Amino acid sequence: MRNIIIGFAAACLLSACGGGSTGSSSSTSVAVNTPKSDCEAEGRRFIDAISYCTSLRTMTRSDFYDTVALIRSSANLPPLVVDARVEDAAFKHANYLYVNNTIGHDQVIGKPGFYGVKEEDRLWASQYPATGADEDAAATSDIAAGFEGLLSVPYHASLFLKVGPYHMGLGIAGDATGKGGMVVDVANTSSQYTILPKDTLSIYPCGLSSISKRSIADEAPAPYPGRNLRTDPIGSLIIMQVPYAQGNNLQVINISLSETVSKAGVAIAQPANLLDSSIRIYNATKPLKSTTSYSINVDGFLSGVAYKRSCTFSTGI
């Protein structure tokens, strides 16, 4: 399944490739290395840095990888290992997006910067023997703006919580104005892939603090068909996932979202077009309040065994 963002508030176009794969002339561009951010110096750590660095228009590659690691750790998932070959494939596609002023996952033979039609083709061309892969893409060379956009929408954000992939790579190409391409590839080989205990349940954004206040733009397939998300935005994401490749069946009986202090309930909805049966995605029906703690409570059955989980997260400015 391929998912395309139709528009994004920060003038950043996004494209996501979901579901993964189980099978198996270059052009000059500027690889943008954003200045070293002072997010840590300001006392802000990783997930805080997304919104903070977006306002500064600066986020480093290291910031990005550390943030992904923290998101996965908070969701009870192991980190993804940065691989230079995956980075190379991601950069080659970011470069293609930049020089052709386009967005998407497939390349066209003969176009400037062509490196491979599909993501898997590009990974193999970079000497990475992929047997599974997924990809996110954004039409920007600003890491913070692109990352915030990818985390703001269901089908893109789920890439960062994938269970099977073992490696990841970030590719950036563009100019100082922010025009360019940003590509995130996650992948695995036949011998290096992630396996978790069968009863593992990952919930995002449990345990995270100062997450950005988010609303999502139009995405294809539309998560909420018939709702104009530009004029009637939906709120922040809750993503639940179990190891889908290990015969799991995730059943949610009850799920609630509320303000931790006031106990005021927050209405939630579930988007259409879920990627696979191992993922459950929910949204607050309206944007959440800033600088507020929220509680998630959920119970159900995981492969026939009853479970109950509770956790908190807080929003930023």
Protein backbone atom coordinates (compact mmCIF):
# COMPACT_ATOMS: atom_id res chain seq x y z
CA MET A 1 0.00 0.00 0.00
CA ARG A 2 1.26 3.46 -0.86
CA ASN A 3 0.15 6.51 1.05
CA ILE A 4 0.48 10.08 -0.17
CA ILE A 5 0.03 13.34 1.70
CA ILE A 6 -2.03 15.73 -0.40
CA GLY A 7 -1.01 18.78 1.62
CA PHE A 8 0.68 19.78 4.87
CA ALA A 9 0.35 22.97 6.86
CA ALA A 10 4.09 23.70 6.89
CA ALA A 11 4.22 23.63 3.10
CA CYS A 12 5.83 20.23 3.37
CA LEU A 13 4.58 17.44 1.12
CA LEU A 14 4.91 13.90 2.42
CA SER A 15 4.76 10.42 0.97
CA ALA A 16 4.69 7.09 2.79
CA CYS A 17 4.98 3.53 1.62
CA GLY A 18 3.27 1.15 4.03
CA GLY A 19 2.94 -2.58 4.37
CA GLY A 20 6.51 -3.49 3.53
CA SER A 21 7.93 -5.94 1.05
CA THR A 22 8.73 -9.55 1.73
CA GLY A 23 10.48 -10.37 -1.49
CA SER A 24 13.54 -9.61 -2.23
CA SER A 25 22.99 8.18 -14.06
CA SER A 26 23.39 10.49 -11.13
CA SER A 27 22.82 14.23 -10.76
CA THR A 28 24.58 16.79 -8.65
CA SER A 29 22.76 18.16 -5.60
CA VAL A 30 23.64 19.65 -2.25
CA ALA A 31 23.40 17.34 0.75
CA VAL A 32 22.22 19.69 3.46
CA ASN A 33 23.88 19.36 6.85
CA THR A 34 21.82 21.53 9.17
CA PRO A 35 23.74 23.49 11.82
CA LYS A 36 24.30 21.86 15.20
CA SER A 37 21.17 22.56 17.20
CA ASP A 38 21.28 23.80 20.77
CA CYS A 39 18.30 21.68 21.83
CA GLU A 40 20.33 19.74 24.39
CA ALA A 41 22.11 22.87 25.54
CA GLU A 42 18.70 24.40 26.22
CA GLY A 43 17.83 21.40 28.37
CA ARG A 44 15.40 19.95 25.88
CA ARG A 45 15.82 16.28 25.07
CA PHE A 46 14.94 14.64 21.78
CA ILE A 47 11.13 14.52 21.59
CA ASP A 48 11.03 18.12 22.86
CA ALA A 49 13.57 18.97 20.18
CA ILE A 50 11.13 18.26 17.37
CA SER A 51 8.91 21.27 18.05
CA TYR A 52 11.75 23.39 19.41
CA CYS A 53 14.07 22.78 16.50
CA THR A 54 11.28 23.27 14.00
CA SER A 55 10.87 26.81 15.29
CA LEU A 56 14.63 27.32 14.83
CA ARG A 57 14.61 25.52 11.47
CA THR A 58 17.51 23.38 12.64
CA MET A 59 17.81 19.73 13.61
CA THR A 60 20.85 17.52 13.15
CA ARG A 61 20.99 14.01 11.77
CA SER A 62 22.07 12.86 15.23
CA ASP A 63 19.03 14.58 16.78
CA PHE A 64 16.82 12.69 14.34
CA TYR A 65 18.26 9.26 15.09
CA ASP A 66 18.23 9.87 18.84
CA THR A 67 14.58 10.93 18.68
CA VAL A 68 13.58 7.80 16.77
CA ALA A 69 15.44 5.69 19.34
CA LEU A 70 13.60 7.41 22.20
CA ILE A 71 10.21 6.98 20.51
CA ARG A 72 10.87 3.27 20.03
CA SER A 73 12.21 2.81 23.55
CA SER A 74 9.13 4.47 25.06
CA ALA A 75 6.97 2.13 22.97
CA ASN A 76 8.79 -0.97 24.24
CA LEU A 77 10.68 -1.48 20.97
CA PRO A 78 14.40 -1.95 20.32
CA PRO A 79 16.32 0.75 18.43
CA LEU A 80 16.87 0.55 14.69
CA VAL A 81 20.53 0.29 13.69
CA VAL A 82 21.76 3.03 11.36
CA ASP A 83 23.27 1.44 8.26
CA ALA A 84 25.42 3.38 5.77
CA ARG A 85 24.01 1.39 2.83
CA VAL A 86 20.44 2.23 3.80
CA GLU A 87 21.46 5.86 4.25
CA ASP A 88 22.97 5.82 0.77
CA ALA A 89 19.78 4.47 -0.80
CA ALA A 90 17.71 7.04 1.11
CA PHE A 91 19.98 9.88 -0.04
CA LYS A 92 19.83 8.74 -3.65
CA HIS A 93 16.03 8.95 -3.57
CA ALA A 94 16.07 12.28 -1.68
CA ASN A 95 18.36 13.59 -4.40
CA TYR A 96 15.98 12.31 -7.10
CA LEU A 97 13.03 14.05 -5.42
CA TYR A 98 15.01 17.28 -5.16
CA VAL A 99 16.38 17.51 -8.69
CA ASN A 100 13.01 16.54 -10.21
CA ASN A 101 10.95 18.71 -7.84
CA THR A 102 8.62 15.79 -7.11
CA ILE A 103 7.37 13.55 -4.28
CA GLY A 104 6.70 9.82 -4.21
CA HIS A 105 8.43 6.46 -3.95
CA ASP A 106 8.98 5.28 -7.51
CA GLN A 107 11.63 6.68 -9.85
CA VAL A 108 11.35 6.93 -13.62
CA ILE A 109 14.14 5.55 -15.79
CA GLY A 110 15.92 8.36 -17.63
CA LYS A 111 14.99 11.10 -15.16
CA PRO A 112 17.85 13.08 -13.54
CA GLY A 113 19.23 11.29 -10.51
CA PHE A 114 17.65 7.93 -11.37
CA TYR A 115 18.97 5.17 -9.09
CA GLY A 116 16.26 2.49 -9.04
CA VAL A 117 12.52 2.28 -9.67
CA LYS A 118 11.48 0.88 -6.28
CA GLU A 119 12.89 1.30 -2.78
CA GLU A 120 14.11 -2.30 -2.81
CA ASP A 121 15.91 -1.65 -6.12
CA ARG A 122 17.74 1.29 -4.61
CA LEU A 123 18.69 -0.66 -1.48
CA TRP A 124 20.16 -3.47 -3.57
CA ALA A 125 21.98 -0.91 -5.74
CA SER A 126 23.55 0.37 -2.50
CA GLN A 127 24.69 -3.21 -1.70
CA TYR A 128 21.98 -3.79 0.93
CA PRO A 129 20.31 -7.21 0.34
CA ALA A 130 16.81 -6.19 1.43
CA THR A 131 14.11 -8.77 2.01
CA GLY A 132 11.75 -6.24 3.62
CA ALA A 133 11.56 -2.45 3.44
CA ASP A 134 9.35 0.58 4.09
CA GLU A 135 9.83 4.24 3.25
CA ASP A 136 8.66 7.72 4.23
CA ALA A 137 9.38 10.80 2.13
CA ALA A 138 8.91 14.54 2.51
CA ALA A 139 9.48 17.40 0.07
CA THR A 140 11.86 19.39 2.29
CA SER A 141 15.52 19.55 3.23
CA ASP A 142 14.60 20.68 6.77
CA ILE A 143 14.94 17.61 8.99
CA ALA A 144 12.84 19.01 11.86
CA ALA A 145 9.96 20.17 9.66
CA GLY A 146 9.95 16.92 7.70
CA PHE A 147 10.15 14.77 10.84
CA GLU A 148 7.35 16.64 12.56
CA GLY A 149 5.23 16.21 9.46
CA LEU A 150 5.91 12.47 9.27
CA LEU A 151 5.01 12.02 12.95
CA SER A 152 1.79 13.98 12.48
CA VAL A 153 -0.10 11.52 10.30
CA PRO A 154 -1.11 7.90 10.93
CA TYR A 155 0.36 6.00 8.02
CA HIS A 156 3.67 7.88 8.12
CA ALA A 157 4.16 7.78 11.89
CA SER A 158 3.66 4.01 12.00
CA LEU A 159 6.90 3.54 10.04
CA PHE A 160 8.92 4.55 13.12
CA LEU A 161 7.25 1.78 15.16
CA LYS A 162 7.75 -1.09 12.71
CA VAL A 163 8.69 -4.42 14.29
CA GLY A 164 10.34 -6.34 11.43
CA PRO A 165 12.97 -3.83 10.19
CA TYR A 166 16.44 -3.92 11.72
CA HIS A 167 18.20 -1.03 9.94
CA MET A 168 17.32 2.53 9.06
CA GLY A 169 18.77 5.43 7.11
CA LEU A 170 17.98 9.12 6.64
CA GLY A 171 18.63 10.83 3.33
CA ILE A 172 18.57 14.62 2.85
CA ALA A 173 19.18 16.58 -0.35
CA GLY A 174 18.30 20.18 -1.13
CA ASP A 175 19.28 23.79 -0.70
CA ALA A 176 19.43 26.33 2.10
CA THR A 177 15.88 27.56 1.40
CA GLY A 178 14.43 24.26 2.58
CA LYS A 179 13.58 23.04 -0.92
CA GLY A 180 14.58 19.43 -1.34
CA GLY A 181 13.85 15.85 -0.43
CA MET A 182 13.91 13.96 2.87
CA VAL A 183 13.67 10.16 2.81
CA VAL A 184 13.58 7.68 5.69
CA ASP A 185 14.16 4.04 4.79
CA VAL A 186 13.76 1.12 7.20
CA ALA A 187 14.77 -2.35 6.06
CA ASN A 188 15.82 -5.84 7.00
CA THR A 189 17.72 -8.71 5.43
CA SER A 190 17.03 -12.44 5.60
CA SER A 191 19.45 -12.73 8.52
CA GLN A 192 18.98 -9.39 10.30
CA TYR A 193 15.44 -8.57 11.35
CA THR A 194 13.64 -7.73 14.57
CA ILE A 195 11.80 -10.43 16.52
CA LEU A 196 10.01 -9.59 19.78
CA PRO A 197 8.26 -11.71 22.41
CA LYS A 198 4.82 -12.68 21.16
CA ASP A 199 3.06 -10.80 23.96
CA THR A 200 4.84 -7.48 23.25
CA LEU A 201 2.44 -4.54 23.02
CA SER A 202 3.84 -1.22 21.85
CA ILE A 203 1.90 1.99 22.53
CA TYR A 204 2.90 5.42 21.21
CA PRO A 205 3.24 8.11 22.66
CA CYS A 206 3.39 6.48 26.11
CA GLY A 207 6.00 8.01 28.38
CA LEU A 208 6.93 10.87 26.07
CA SER A 209 6.96 14.46 27.24
CA SER A 210 6.42 17.75 25.44
CA ILE A 211 5.20 16.20 22.20
CA SER A 212 4.17 18.78 19.65
CA LYS A 213 0.55 19.78 19.42
CA ARG A 214 -0.43 18.22 16.10
CA SER A 215 -3.21 18.21 13.56
CA ILE A 216 -3.06 16.28 10.32
CA ALA A 217 -3.57 17.31 6.73
CA ASP A 218 -4.99 15.31 3.83
CA GLU A 219 -3.41 11.89 3.42
CA ALA A 220 -4.14 9.20 0.87
CA PRO A 221 -5.75 6.82 1.51
CA ALA A 222 -7.77 9.30 3.57
CA PRO A 223 -7.69 8.36 7.28
CA TYR A 224 -11.04 10.10 7.80
CA PRO A 225 -12.96 10.07 4.49
CA GLY A 226 -15.29 13.01 4.03
CA ARG A 227 -13.65 15.13 6.72
CA ASN A 228 -11.76 18.22 5.59
CA LEU A 229 -8.75 18.05 7.87
CA ARG A 230 -7.61 21.53 6.90
CA THR A 231 -10.74 23.21 8.23
CA ASP A 232 -11.64 20.55 10.82
CA PRO A 233 -8.30 19.14 12.09
CA ILE A 234 -7.97 15.88 13.96
CA GLY A 235 -5.82 15.60 17.10
CA SER A 236 -2.72 13.70 18.17
CA LEU A 237 -2.08 10.03 17.47
CA ILE A 238 -2.22 6.91 19.59
CA ILE A 239 -0.59 3.95 17.83
CA MET A 240 -0.75 0.40 19.21
CA GLN A 241 1.19 -2.42 17.60
CA VAL A 242 2.05 -6.07 18.19
CA PRO A 243 4.58 -8.21 16.28
CA TYR A 244 2.43 -8.91 13.22
CA ALA A 245 4.69 -11.55 11.69
CA GLN A 246 4.44 -13.88 14.69
CA GLY A 247 0.80 -14.92 14.54
CA ASN A 248 -0.53 -12.27 16.92
CA ASN A 249 -4.09 -11.06 17.12
CA LEU A 250 -4.63 -7.69 18.82
CA GLN A 251 -8.15 -7.07 20.09
CA VAL A 252 -9.00 -3.76 21.78
CA ILE A 253 -12.11 -3.92 23.97
CA ASN A 254 -11.90 -0.51 25.65
CA ILE A 255 -9.62 2.46 25.08
CA SER A 256 -9.89 5.90 26.65
CA LEU A 257 -7.95 9.17 26.58
CA SER A 258 -8.33 11.75 29.33
CA GLU A 259 -6.58 14.71 30.91
CA THR A 260 -4.48 13.29 33.74
CA VAL A 261 -5.22 16.01 36.31
CA SER A 262 -8.83 17.01 35.60
CA LYS A 263 -9.86 13.50 34.45
CA ALA A 264 -11.80 15.15 31.63
CA GLY A 265 -12.41 12.63 28.88
CA VAL A 266 -11.21 13.22 25.33
CA ALA A 267 -13.19 11.79 22.42
CA ILE A 268 -11.17 9.53 20.14
CA ALA A 269 -11.76 8.10 16.68
CA GLN A 270 -10.16 5.37 14.57
CA PRO A 271 -9.04 6.08 11.00
CA ALA A 272 -10.11 4.02 8.03
CA ASN A 273 -7.65 2.03 5.88
CA LEU A 274 -5.47 0.52 8.60
CA LEU A 275 -2.26 -0.92 7.20
CA ASP A 276 -2.52 -4.39 8.75
CA SER A 277 -4.28 -6.28 11.52
CA SER A 278 -1.37 -5.91 13.95
CA ILE A 279 -1.79 -2.12 14.21
CA ARG A 280 -4.50 -0.08 15.88
CA ILE A 281 -4.42 3.69 15.35
CA TYR A 282 -6.54 6.26 17.14
CA ASN A 283 -6.76 10.05 17.10
CA ALA A 284 -8.17 12.59 19.50
CA THR A 285 -11.12 14.02 17.55
CA LYS A 286 -9.84 17.55 18.20
CA PRO A 287 -6.32 18.95 18.68
CA LEU A 288 -5.08 18.43 22.24
CA LYS A 289 -4.32 21.24 24.67
CA SER A 290 -0.76 22.49 24.96
CA THR A 291 1.44 21.73 28.02
CA THR A 292 -1.05 19.19 29.34
CA SER A 293 -0.64 15.65 30.67
CA TYR A 294 -2.89 12.97 29.18
CA SER A 295 -3.61 9.38 30.25
CA ILE A 296 -4.25 6.39 28.00
CA ASN A 297 -6.12 3.37 29.38
CA VAL A 298 -6.68 0.30 27.25
CA ASP A 299 -7.73 -3.32 27.74
CA GLY A 300 -8.47 -6.24 25.48
CA PHE A 301 -6.99 -9.51 24.30
CA LEU A 302 -3.60 -10.23 22.78
CA SER A 303 -3.59 -13.61 21.06
CA GLY A 304 -6.44 -14.67 23.36
CA VAL A 305 -4.78 -13.49 26.58
CA ALA A 306 -6.35 -10.58 28.46
CA TYR A 307 -4.23 -7.47 28.89
CA LYS A 308 -4.62 -4.05 30.53
CA ARG A 309 -2.30 -1.09 29.97
CA SER A 310 -2.16 2.47 31.31
CA CYS A 311 0.33 5.21 30.57
CA THR A 312 0.70 8.97 30.32
CA PHE A 313 2.23 11.50 27.94
CA SER A 314 2.31 15.28 27.84
CA THR A 315 2.05 17.88 25.12
CA GLY A 316 4.41 20.77 24.49
CA ILE A 317 3.75 24.39 23.68
